[in-house]
N, C-alpha and C. Protein backbone atom coordinates (compact mmCIF):
# COMPACT_ATOMS: atom_id res chain seq x y z
N MET A 1 84.78 88.18 81.97
CA MET A 1 85.70 87.05 82.12
C MET A 1 86.13 86.46 80.78
N LEU A 2 85.39 86.76 79.73
CA LEU A 2 85.72 86.16 78.44
C LEU A 2 87.12 86.58 78.01
N GLY A 3 87.88 85.63 77.49
CA GLY A 3 89.22 85.92 77.01
C GLY A 3 90.24 84.99 77.62
N THR A 4 91.51 85.38 77.47
CA THR A 4 92.63 84.54 77.87
C THR A 4 93.19 84.98 79.21
N TRP A 5 93.41 84.02 80.09
CA TRP A 5 93.90 84.26 81.44
C TRP A 5 95.09 83.35 81.73
N GLU A 6 95.93 83.77 82.66
CA GLU A 6 97.04 82.93 83.11
C GLU A 6 96.78 82.48 84.53
N ILE A 7 96.93 81.19 84.76
CA ILE A 7 96.87 80.63 86.11
C ILE A 7 98.31 80.29 86.50
N SER A 8 98.68 80.58 87.74
CA SER A 8 100.04 80.27 88.19
C SER A 8 100.04 79.94 89.67
N ASN A 9 101.11 79.29 90.09
CA ASN A 9 101.32 79.09 91.53
C ASN A 9 102.04 80.33 92.06
N SER A 10 102.26 80.40 93.37
CA SER A 10 102.84 81.60 93.96
C SER A 10 104.27 81.85 93.51
N ASP A 11 105.02 80.81 93.18
CA ASP A 11 106.40 80.98 92.71
C ASP A 11 106.48 81.24 91.21
N ARG A 12 105.36 81.14 90.53
CA ARG A 12 105.29 81.32 89.08
C ARG A 12 106.22 80.36 88.32
N ASP A 13 106.51 79.21 88.94
CA ASP A 13 107.29 78.21 88.20
C ASP A 13 106.36 77.19 87.54
N ARG A 14 105.06 77.31 87.81
CA ARG A 14 104.05 76.53 87.10
C ARG A 14 102.97 77.49 86.62
N THR A 15 102.80 77.56 85.31
CA THR A 15 101.80 78.46 84.74
C THR A 15 100.96 77.70 83.72
N CYS A 16 99.80 78.25 83.44
CA CYS A 16 98.87 77.63 82.50
C CYS A 16 98.02 78.73 81.88
N ILE A 17 97.80 78.66 80.59
CA ILE A 17 96.94 79.61 79.90
C ILE A 17 95.58 78.97 79.65
N VAL A 18 94.52 79.68 80.07
CA VAL A 18 93.15 79.19 79.91
C VAL A 18 92.34 80.27 79.21
N THR A 19 91.44 79.83 78.33
CA THR A 19 90.55 80.76 77.64
C THR A 19 89.12 80.51 78.10
N PHE A 20 88.48 81.57 78.58
CA PHE A 20 87.08 81.51 78.99
C PHE A 20 86.23 81.85 77.77
N LYS A 21 85.35 80.93 77.40
CA LYS A 21 84.51 81.09 76.21
C LYS A 21 83.07 81.40 76.62
N ALA A 22 82.30 81.95 75.66
CA ALA A 22 80.88 82.21 75.88
C ALA A 22 80.02 81.03 75.45
N ASP A 23 80.63 80.04 74.76
CA ASP A 23 79.90 78.87 74.30
C ASP A 23 79.37 78.09 75.49
N THR A 24 78.12 77.70 75.42
CA THR A 24 77.55 76.92 76.53
C THR A 24 77.85 75.44 76.34
N VAL A 25 78.10 74.81 77.48
CA VAL A 25 78.28 73.35 77.55
C VAL A 25 77.34 72.88 78.66
N PRO A 26 77.09 71.58 78.79
CA PRO A 26 76.10 71.11 79.76
C PRO A 26 76.27 71.65 81.19
N SER A 27 77.51 71.88 81.64
CA SER A 27 77.69 72.30 83.03
C SER A 27 78.01 73.78 83.21
N GLY A 28 77.99 74.55 82.13
CA GLY A 28 78.29 75.99 82.25
C GLY A 28 78.75 76.56 80.92
N PHE A 29 79.86 77.30 80.97
CA PHE A 29 80.47 77.87 79.77
C PHE A 29 81.81 77.19 79.51
N LYS A 30 82.17 77.11 78.26
CA LYS A 30 83.33 76.33 77.84
C LYS A 30 84.66 76.94 78.31
N LEU A 31 85.57 76.05 78.71
CA LEU A 31 86.96 76.39 79.04
C LEU A 31 87.89 75.71 78.04
N GLU A 32 88.94 76.40 77.62
CA GLU A 32 89.98 75.78 76.79
C GLU A 32 91.33 76.03 77.43
N PHE A 33 92.10 74.96 77.63
CA PHE A 33 93.43 75.05 78.23
C PHE A 33 94.50 74.79 77.19
N ASP A 34 95.61 75.51 77.30
CA ASP A 34 96.75 75.24 76.42
C ASP A 34 97.30 73.85 76.73
N ARG A 35 97.93 73.24 75.71
CA ARG A 35 98.58 71.95 75.93
C ARG A 35 99.64 72.11 77.01
N GLY A 36 99.79 71.12 77.82
CA GLY A 36 100.80 71.16 78.87
C GLY A 36 100.27 71.63 80.21
N CYS A 37 99.07 72.20 80.24
CA CYS A 37 98.50 72.67 81.51
C CYS A 37 98.36 71.54 82.51
N ALA A 38 97.91 70.38 82.04
CA ALA A 38 97.65 69.26 82.94
C ALA A 38 98.92 68.76 83.62
N THR A 39 100.08 69.01 83.03
CA THR A 39 101.33 68.57 83.63
C THR A 39 101.64 69.40 84.87
N GLY A 40 101.59 70.72 84.75
CA GLY A 40 101.91 71.59 85.88
C GLY A 40 100.77 71.78 86.85
N MET A 41 99.53 71.69 86.34
CA MET A 41 98.34 71.90 87.17
C MET A 41 97.34 70.79 86.85
N PRO A 42 97.52 69.63 87.48
CA PRO A 42 96.74 68.44 87.13
C PRO A 42 95.22 68.62 87.17
N PHE A 43 94.70 69.50 88.03
CA PHE A 43 93.25 69.66 88.10
C PHE A 43 92.65 70.15 86.79
N THR A 44 93.47 70.80 85.94
CA THR A 44 92.93 71.36 84.69
C THR A 44 92.52 70.28 83.70
N LYS A 45 93.05 69.07 83.84
CA LYS A 45 92.71 68.02 82.87
C LYS A 45 91.24 67.62 82.96
N ASP A 46 90.62 67.87 84.13
CA ASP A 46 89.21 67.53 84.31
C ASP A 46 88.27 68.73 84.17
N ALA A 47 88.83 69.94 84.17
CA ALA A 47 87.99 71.14 84.10
C ALA A 47 87.48 71.33 82.67
N VAL A 48 86.16 71.42 82.54
CA VAL A 48 85.56 71.56 81.21
C VAL A 48 84.71 72.82 81.08
N ALA A 49 84.35 73.42 82.22
CA ALA A 49 83.44 74.56 82.16
C ALA A 49 83.73 75.54 83.29
N TRP A 50 83.16 76.74 83.13
CA TRP A 50 83.24 77.74 84.18
C TRP A 50 81.85 78.34 84.41
N ILE A 51 81.63 78.78 85.64
CA ILE A 51 80.40 79.46 86.00
C ILE A 51 80.74 80.54 87.02
N VAL A 52 79.84 81.49 87.18
CA VAL A 52 79.99 82.49 88.23
C VAL A 52 79.30 81.96 89.48
N GLY A 53 80.04 81.93 90.59
CA GLY A 53 79.50 81.41 91.85
C GLY A 53 79.03 82.52 92.77
N SER A 54 78.88 82.18 94.02
CA SER A 54 78.45 83.18 95.01
C SER A 54 79.52 84.25 95.19
N ASN A 55 79.08 85.45 95.52
CA ASN A 55 79.99 86.60 95.70
C ASN A 55 80.88 86.83 94.49
N ASP A 56 80.34 86.55 93.30
CA ASP A 56 81.06 86.76 92.03
C ASP A 56 82.35 85.96 91.91
N SER A 57 82.44 84.85 92.64
CA SER A 57 83.61 83.98 92.47
C SER A 57 83.52 83.31 91.10
N ILE A 58 84.64 82.83 90.62
CA ILE A 58 84.70 82.11 89.34
C ILE A 58 85.01 80.66 89.66
N ARG A 59 84.14 79.78 89.21
CA ARG A 59 84.32 78.36 89.50
C ARG A 59 84.67 77.61 88.23
N MET A 60 85.69 76.78 88.33
CA MET A 60 86.03 75.85 87.25
C MET A 60 85.49 74.50 87.69
N ILE A 61 84.72 73.87 86.81
CA ILE A 61 84.04 72.63 87.19
C ILE A 61 84.30 71.52 86.18
N ASP A 62 84.10 70.30 86.63
CA ASP A 62 84.27 69.15 85.74
C ASP A 62 82.94 68.82 85.07
N ALA A 63 82.92 67.76 84.28
CA ALA A 63 81.73 67.40 83.51
C ALA A 63 80.54 67.02 84.40
N LYS A 64 80.79 66.64 85.65
CA LYS A 64 79.72 66.28 86.58
C LYS A 64 79.23 67.47 87.40
N GLY A 65 79.88 68.64 87.21
CA GLY A 65 79.49 69.83 87.97
C GLY A 65 80.23 70.00 89.28
N THR A 66 81.23 69.15 89.53
CA THR A 66 82.03 69.26 90.75
C THR A 66 82.98 70.46 90.62
N ILE A 67 83.03 71.28 91.67
CA ILE A 67 83.92 72.45 91.66
C ILE A 67 85.36 71.98 91.86
N LEU A 68 86.21 72.28 90.89
CA LEU A 68 87.63 71.93 90.99
C LEU A 68 88.46 73.09 91.54
N LEU A 69 88.02 74.32 91.24
CA LEU A 69 88.73 75.51 91.68
C LEU A 69 87.73 76.65 91.78
N GLU A 70 87.74 77.35 92.91
CA GLU A 70 86.87 78.52 93.08
C GLU A 70 87.75 79.72 93.37
N LEU A 71 87.78 80.64 92.42
CA LEU A 71 88.65 81.81 92.48
C LEU A 71 87.88 83.03 92.94
N THR A 72 88.48 83.78 93.85
CA THR A 72 87.88 85.00 94.38
C THR A 72 88.74 86.18 93.96
N GLU A 73 88.09 87.26 93.53
CA GLU A 73 88.85 88.45 93.12
C GLU A 73 89.40 89.14 94.37
N VAL A 74 90.73 89.31 94.41
CA VAL A 74 91.39 89.93 95.56
C VAL A 74 91.81 91.36 95.28
N GLU A 75 91.96 91.69 94.02
CA GLU A 75 92.16 93.06 93.57
C GLU A 75 91.73 93.10 92.12
N ALA A 76 91.61 94.29 91.56
CA ALA A 76 91.07 94.42 90.20
C ALA A 76 91.82 93.52 89.23
N GLY A 77 91.11 92.53 88.67
CA GLY A 77 91.70 91.66 87.66
C GLY A 77 92.61 90.56 88.18
N MET A 78 92.73 90.43 89.51
CA MET A 78 93.58 89.38 90.09
C MET A 78 92.72 88.50 90.99
N TYR A 79 92.76 87.20 90.70
CA TYR A 79 91.98 86.22 91.45
C TYR A 79 92.91 85.24 92.13
N GLU A 80 92.43 84.67 93.23
CA GLU A 80 93.22 83.62 93.87
C GLU A 80 92.31 82.57 94.49
N ALA A 81 92.89 81.40 94.69
CA ALA A 81 92.18 80.28 95.32
C ALA A 81 93.23 79.41 95.98
N GLU A 82 92.77 78.62 96.95
CA GLU A 82 93.69 77.68 97.59
C GLU A 82 93.33 76.27 97.17
N ARG A 83 94.34 75.52 96.74
CA ARG A 83 94.15 74.11 96.40
C ARG A 83 94.81 73.28 97.49
N ARG A 84 94.05 72.42 98.10
CA ARG A 84 94.59 71.58 99.17
C ARG A 84 95.78 70.78 98.64
N GLY A 85 96.88 70.89 99.35
CA GLY A 85 98.10 70.16 98.97
C GLY A 85 98.92 70.85 97.89
N GLU A 86 98.37 71.92 97.29
CA GLU A 86 99.10 72.62 96.23
C GLU A 86 99.39 74.07 96.57
N GLY A 87 98.72 74.62 97.57
CA GLY A 87 98.94 76.01 97.95
C GLY A 87 98.02 76.96 97.19
N ILE A 88 98.44 78.22 97.15
CA ILE A 88 97.65 79.27 96.53
C ILE A 88 97.85 79.27 95.01
N VAL A 89 96.74 79.41 94.29
CA VAL A 89 96.75 79.52 92.83
C VAL A 89 96.25 80.92 92.49
N PHE A 90 96.92 81.58 91.56
CA PHE A 90 96.55 82.93 91.13
C PHE A 90 96.06 82.89 89.69
N MET A 91 95.20 83.85 89.35
CA MET A 91 94.77 83.99 87.96
C MET A 91 94.68 85.48 87.63
N GLN A 92 95.24 85.84 86.48
CA GLN A 92 95.15 87.21 86.00
C GLN A 92 95.06 87.19 84.48
N ALA A 93 94.54 88.28 83.93
CA ALA A 93 94.42 88.37 82.48
C ALA A 93 95.80 88.18 81.85
N ALA A 94 95.87 87.39 80.80
CA ALA A 94 97.16 87.12 80.15
C ALA A 94 97.82 88.41 79.68
N SER A 95 97.02 89.41 79.30
CA SER A 95 97.60 90.68 78.83
C SER A 95 98.25 91.46 79.96
N ALA A 96 97.92 91.15 81.22
CA ALA A 96 98.49 91.86 82.37
C ALA A 96 99.78 91.22 82.86
N VAL A 97 100.11 90.04 82.36
CA VAL A 97 101.31 89.33 82.80
C VAL A 97 102.52 89.99 82.16
N PRO A 98 103.53 90.38 82.97
CA PRO A 98 104.70 91.01 82.40
C PRO A 98 105.43 90.08 81.44
N ALA A 99 105.96 90.66 80.38
CA ALA A 99 106.70 89.88 79.39
C ALA A 99 107.95 89.30 80.04
N GLN A 100 108.24 88.04 79.74
CA GLN A 100 109.44 87.41 80.26
C GLN A 100 110.65 87.95 79.51
N ARG A 101 111.59 88.49 80.25
CA ARG A 101 112.81 89.03 79.64
C ARG A 101 113.84 87.93 79.42
N THR A 102 114.63 88.08 78.37
CA THR A 102 115.70 87.13 78.09
C THR A 102 117.04 87.78 78.38
N THR A 103 118.06 86.96 78.54
CA THR A 103 119.41 87.45 78.77
C THR A 103 119.82 88.41 77.66
N GLU A 104 119.55 88.03 76.43
CA GLU A 104 119.97 88.85 75.29
C GLU A 104 119.35 90.24 75.32
N GLN A 105 118.13 90.35 75.84
CA GLN A 105 117.46 91.65 75.91
C GLN A 105 118.10 92.57 76.95
N LEU A 106 118.78 92.00 77.93
CA LEU A 106 119.31 92.80 79.04
C LEU A 106 120.81 93.07 78.95
N VAL A 107 121.50 92.36 78.08
CA VAL A 107 122.94 92.59 77.92
C VAL A 107 123.18 94.01 77.43
N GLY A 108 124.20 94.66 78.02
CA GLY A 108 124.57 96.00 77.58
C GLY A 108 124.89 96.94 78.73
N GLU A 109 124.91 98.23 78.41
CA GLU A 109 125.28 99.27 79.38
C GLU A 109 124.04 99.78 80.11
N TRP A 110 124.17 99.92 81.43
CA TRP A 110 123.08 100.41 82.28
C TRP A 110 123.62 101.45 83.25
N ALA A 111 122.76 102.41 83.60
CA ALA A 111 123.10 103.40 84.63
C ALA A 111 122.33 103.06 85.89
N VAL A 112 123.03 103.06 87.02
CA VAL A 112 122.37 102.93 88.32
C VAL A 112 122.12 104.35 88.79
N THR A 113 120.87 104.66 89.11
CA THR A 113 120.54 106.02 89.55
C THR A 113 119.98 106.00 90.96
N ARG A 114 120.17 107.13 91.64
CA ARG A 114 119.60 107.33 92.98
C ARG A 114 118.58 108.44 92.88
N GLY A 115 117.42 108.23 93.46
CA GLY A 115 116.38 109.24 93.41
C GLY A 115 115.75 109.38 92.03
N GLY A 116 116.06 108.44 91.14
CA GLY A 116 115.46 108.45 89.81
C GLY A 116 116.13 109.37 88.80
N THR A 117 117.12 110.15 89.26
CA THR A 117 117.74 111.11 88.32
C THR A 117 119.26 111.10 88.35
N ARG A 118 119.87 110.97 89.54
CA ARG A 118 121.33 111.12 89.65
C ARG A 118 122.02 109.79 89.41
N THR A 119 122.85 109.72 88.36
CA THR A 119 123.60 108.50 88.05
C THR A 119 124.71 108.33 89.08
N ILE A 120 124.74 107.16 89.73
CA ILE A 120 125.78 106.89 90.72
C ILE A 120 126.75 105.80 90.28
N CYS A 121 126.44 105.15 89.15
CA CYS A 121 127.35 104.11 88.65
C CYS A 121 126.91 103.68 87.26
N LEU A 122 127.88 103.30 86.45
CA LEU A 122 127.60 102.69 85.15
C LEU A 122 128.04 101.23 85.23
N VAL A 123 127.19 100.33 84.77
CA VAL A 123 127.49 98.90 84.82
C VAL A 123 127.29 98.29 83.44
N THR A 124 128.01 97.21 83.20
CA THR A 124 127.86 96.46 81.96
C THR A 124 127.40 95.05 82.31
N LEU A 125 126.26 94.65 81.74
CA LEU A 125 125.77 93.29 81.88
C LEU A 125 126.21 92.53 80.64
N SER A 126 126.94 91.44 80.84
CA SER A 126 127.42 90.66 79.70
C SER A 126 126.69 89.32 79.67
N ASN A 127 126.89 88.59 78.57
CA ASN A 127 126.32 87.24 78.49
C ASN A 127 127.39 86.18 78.69
N THR A 128 128.51 86.57 79.32
CA THR A 128 129.57 85.64 79.66
C THR A 128 129.20 84.91 80.95
N ALA A 129 129.22 83.59 80.92
CA ALA A 129 128.83 82.80 82.09
C ALA A 129 129.70 83.15 83.29
N ALA A 130 129.07 83.25 84.46
CA ALA A 130 129.78 83.53 85.71
C ALA A 130 129.15 82.69 86.82
N GLY A 131 129.22 81.39 86.66
CA GLY A 131 128.60 80.49 87.63
C GLY A 131 127.29 79.95 87.08
N GLN A 132 126.61 79.16 87.91
CA GLN A 132 125.37 78.52 87.47
C GLN A 132 124.27 79.55 87.28
N ASP A 133 123.71 79.62 86.07
CA ASP A 133 122.61 80.52 85.73
C ASP A 133 122.92 81.98 85.98
N ALA A 134 124.18 82.38 85.97
CA ALA A 134 124.56 83.77 86.19
C ALA A 134 125.53 84.22 85.10
N PHE A 135 125.61 85.55 84.95
CA PHE A 135 126.45 86.14 83.92
C PHE A 135 127.30 87.25 84.54
N ALA A 136 128.42 87.54 83.88
CA ALA A 136 129.36 88.53 84.41
C ALA A 136 128.78 89.94 84.36
N LEU A 137 129.09 90.71 85.41
CA LEU A 137 128.70 92.11 85.53
C LEU A 137 129.95 92.89 85.90
N THR A 138 130.20 94.00 85.23
CA THR A 138 131.34 94.85 85.59
C THR A 138 130.85 96.25 85.88
N ILE A 139 131.51 96.89 86.85
CA ILE A 139 131.18 98.27 87.18
C ILE A 139 132.30 99.17 86.67
N LYS A 140 131.93 100.35 86.21
CA LYS A 140 132.91 101.32 85.69
C LYS A 140 133.57 102.04 86.87
N PRO A 141 134.78 102.56 86.68
CA PRO A 141 135.44 103.33 87.75
C PRO A 141 134.61 104.56 88.10
N GLY A 142 134.75 104.99 89.37
CA GLY A 142 134.08 106.21 89.81
C GLY A 142 132.69 106.00 90.37
N CYS A 143 132.33 104.77 90.72
CA CYS A 143 130.99 104.50 91.25
C CYS A 143 130.87 104.98 92.70
N ASP A 144 129.65 105.28 93.09
CA ASP A 144 129.31 105.69 94.45
C ASP A 144 129.68 104.58 95.43
N PRO A 145 130.08 104.95 96.67
CA PRO A 145 130.42 103.93 97.68
C PRO A 145 129.29 102.92 97.95
N LEU A 146 128.03 103.34 97.76
CA LEU A 146 126.91 102.41 97.92
C LEU A 146 127.10 101.19 97.01
N ILE A 147 127.57 101.44 95.79
CA ILE A 147 127.79 100.35 94.82
C ILE A 147 129.10 99.63 95.10
N THR A 148 130.17 100.37 95.37
CA THR A 148 131.46 99.71 95.56
C THR A 148 131.47 98.83 96.82
N ARG A 149 130.71 99.21 97.86
CA ARG A 149 130.61 98.35 99.05
C ARG A 149 129.87 97.05 98.71
N PHE A 150 128.80 97.16 97.93
CA PHE A 150 128.05 95.98 97.50
C PHE A 150 128.89 95.13 96.55
N ASN A 151 129.60 95.79 95.63
CA ASN A 151 130.53 95.16 94.69
C ASN A 151 129.89 94.02 93.89
N PRO A 152 128.88 94.34 93.05
CA PRO A 152 128.26 93.29 92.24
C PRO A 152 129.22 92.74 91.19
N THR A 153 129.22 91.42 91.04
CA THR A 153 130.12 90.79 90.07
C THR A 153 129.38 89.92 89.06
N SER A 154 128.10 89.62 89.33
CA SER A 154 127.32 88.81 88.38
C SER A 154 125.85 89.21 88.45
N TRP A 155 125.09 88.72 87.48
CA TRP A 155 123.66 89.01 87.42
C TRP A 155 122.94 87.81 86.84
N ARG A 156 121.63 87.77 87.09
CA ARG A 156 120.80 86.69 86.55
C ARG A 156 119.35 87.18 86.50
N ILE A 157 118.52 86.43 85.79
CA ILE A 157 117.09 86.68 85.77
C ILE A 157 116.44 85.63 86.67
N ASP A 158 115.60 86.08 87.59
CA ASP A 158 114.94 85.16 88.51
C ASP A 158 113.48 85.57 88.63
N GLN A 159 112.57 84.75 88.10
CA GLN A 159 111.13 85.03 88.13
C GLN A 159 110.82 86.43 87.61
N ASN A 160 111.43 86.76 86.49
CA ASN A 160 111.25 88.03 85.79
C ASN A 160 111.77 89.23 86.58
N GLU A 161 112.62 88.98 87.56
CA GLU A 161 113.34 90.06 88.22
C GLU A 161 114.80 89.98 87.81
N LEU A 162 115.46 91.13 87.75
CA LEU A 162 116.87 91.22 87.45
C LEU A 162 117.60 91.24 88.78
N VAL A 163 118.52 90.30 88.98
CA VAL A 163 119.20 90.16 90.27
C VAL A 163 120.69 90.41 90.09
N PHE A 164 121.23 91.37 90.88
CA PHE A 164 122.67 91.60 90.95
C PHE A 164 123.19 90.80 92.14
N VAL A 165 124.31 90.10 91.96
CA VAL A 165 124.91 89.32 93.02
C VAL A 165 126.26 89.93 93.37
N GLY A 166 126.44 90.27 94.66
CA GLY A 166 127.69 90.86 95.12
C GLY A 166 128.76 89.82 95.32
N VAL A 167 129.99 90.30 95.50
CA VAL A 167 131.13 89.41 95.66
C VAL A 167 130.98 88.51 96.88
N LYS A 168 130.21 88.96 97.90
CA LYS A 168 130.01 88.15 99.11
C LYS A 168 128.74 87.30 99.03
N GLY A 169 128.05 87.34 97.89
CA GLY A 169 126.86 86.52 97.71
C GLY A 169 125.55 87.23 98.03
N ASP A 170 125.61 88.48 98.54
CA ASP A 170 124.37 89.21 98.80
C ASP A 170 123.77 89.68 97.48
N THR A 171 122.48 90.00 97.49
CA THR A 171 121.80 90.32 96.23
C THR A 171 121.01 91.62 96.31
N TRP A 172 120.85 92.24 95.15
CA TRP A 172 119.91 93.33 94.93
C TRP A 172 118.96 92.85 93.85
N ARG A 173 117.66 93.05 94.06
CA ARG A 173 116.66 92.62 93.10
C ARG A 173 116.00 93.84 92.49
N PHE A 174 115.72 93.77 91.18
CA PHE A 174 115.06 94.86 90.46
C PHE A 174 113.89 94.29 89.66
N GLU A 175 112.80 95.06 89.58
CA GLU A 175 111.69 94.68 88.72
C GLU A 175 111.42 95.80 87.73
N GLU A 176 111.00 95.42 86.54
CA GLU A 176 110.77 96.40 85.48
C GLU A 176 109.44 97.10 85.72
N ARG A 177 109.50 98.42 85.81
CA ARG A 177 108.28 99.22 86.02
C ARG A 177 107.88 99.94 84.74
N GLU A 178 108.86 100.41 84.00
CA GLU A 178 108.62 101.00 82.69
C GLU A 178 109.60 100.34 81.73
N GLN A 179 109.39 100.58 80.43
CA GLN A 179 110.28 100.00 79.43
C GLN A 179 111.73 100.40 79.72
N SER A 180 112.60 99.43 79.92
CA SER A 180 114.03 99.63 80.16
C SER A 180 114.34 100.43 81.41
N THR A 181 113.43 100.47 82.38
CA THR A 181 113.69 101.09 83.68
C THR A 181 113.26 100.10 84.75
N TRP A 182 114.22 99.73 85.60
CA TRP A 182 113.99 98.73 86.63
C TRP A 182 114.19 99.37 88.00
N HIS A 183 113.29 99.08 88.94
CA HIS A 183 113.35 99.63 90.28
C HIS A 183 113.80 98.56 91.26
N ARG A 184 114.66 98.98 92.20
CA ARG A 184 115.10 98.02 93.23
C ARG A 184 113.91 97.68 94.12
N VAL A 185 113.77 96.39 94.43
CA VAL A 185 112.70 95.91 95.30
C VAL A 185 113.28 95.05 96.41
N PRO A 186 112.72 95.08 97.62
CA PRO A 186 111.72 96.07 97.98
C PRO A 186 112.32 97.46 97.97
N GLN A 187 111.48 98.48 97.76
CA GLN A 187 111.97 99.84 97.64
C GLN A 187 112.51 100.33 98.98
N ARG A 188 113.68 100.94 98.94
CA ARG A 188 114.30 101.49 100.14
C ARG A 188 113.90 102.97 100.29
N THR A 189 114.48 103.63 101.30
CA THR A 189 114.19 105.05 101.52
C THR A 189 114.53 105.86 100.28
N GLN A 190 115.68 105.55 99.69
CA GLN A 190 116.08 106.22 98.45
C GLN A 190 115.81 105.30 97.27
N LEU A 191 115.12 105.83 96.28
CA LEU A 191 114.80 105.06 95.08
C LEU A 191 116.09 104.75 94.31
N ILE A 192 116.33 103.47 94.06
CA ILE A 192 117.45 103.03 93.23
C ILE A 192 116.88 102.40 91.97
N THR A 193 117.31 102.88 90.81
CA THR A 193 116.81 102.35 89.55
C THR A 193 117.96 101.99 88.63
N LEU A 194 117.64 101.14 87.66
CA LEU A 194 118.53 100.80 86.57
C LEU A 194 117.89 101.34 85.30
N VAL A 195 118.67 102.06 84.51
CA VAL A 195 118.15 102.65 83.28
C VAL A 195 119.08 102.26 82.14
N ARG A 196 118.51 101.78 81.06
CA ARG A 196 119.29 101.40 79.86
C ARG A 196 120.00 102.63 79.30
N LYS A 197 121.28 102.48 79.00
CA LYS A 197 122.07 103.58 78.40
C LYS A 197 121.98 103.52 76.89
């Protein structure tokens, strides 16, 4: 458990970085939170220590030994807990958290592929505003009917996913699986990917 971890809510619009230390304190082992954690996750302002609980759960406790959060491992390296009135809280190693992409990193030419190999359309993502929190997207002539029926006209980043927005307001969502390769999610029968040109 030693090292840096990220705590987040299910929407990932509230996150906090915590470091688990080996230094002993009166109620367990030392915790260090980044500044600003208490704003998004108020319980962290009182958490001073961590201990291993029953069934290998990880407990964050206050100076009096009261359990503020008890996290259970749900898959390798991913923990979760429920906070009354706040919903589910997740924790994973900070190194496992995908890097947040910026608009500038995604602007440029992309190929839409079917089956991971056959290019069915070339698109250009620009940084020209196209509505609230969205940017202009243009498709090159000769695209597959799958793309022309959808007719994407703008794009945005939403919770580290790349979202294409069609002329009728429908969306396609992509998540980065490899460097500069994004897969449509949820995955359909035919794999649709975006690959940097």
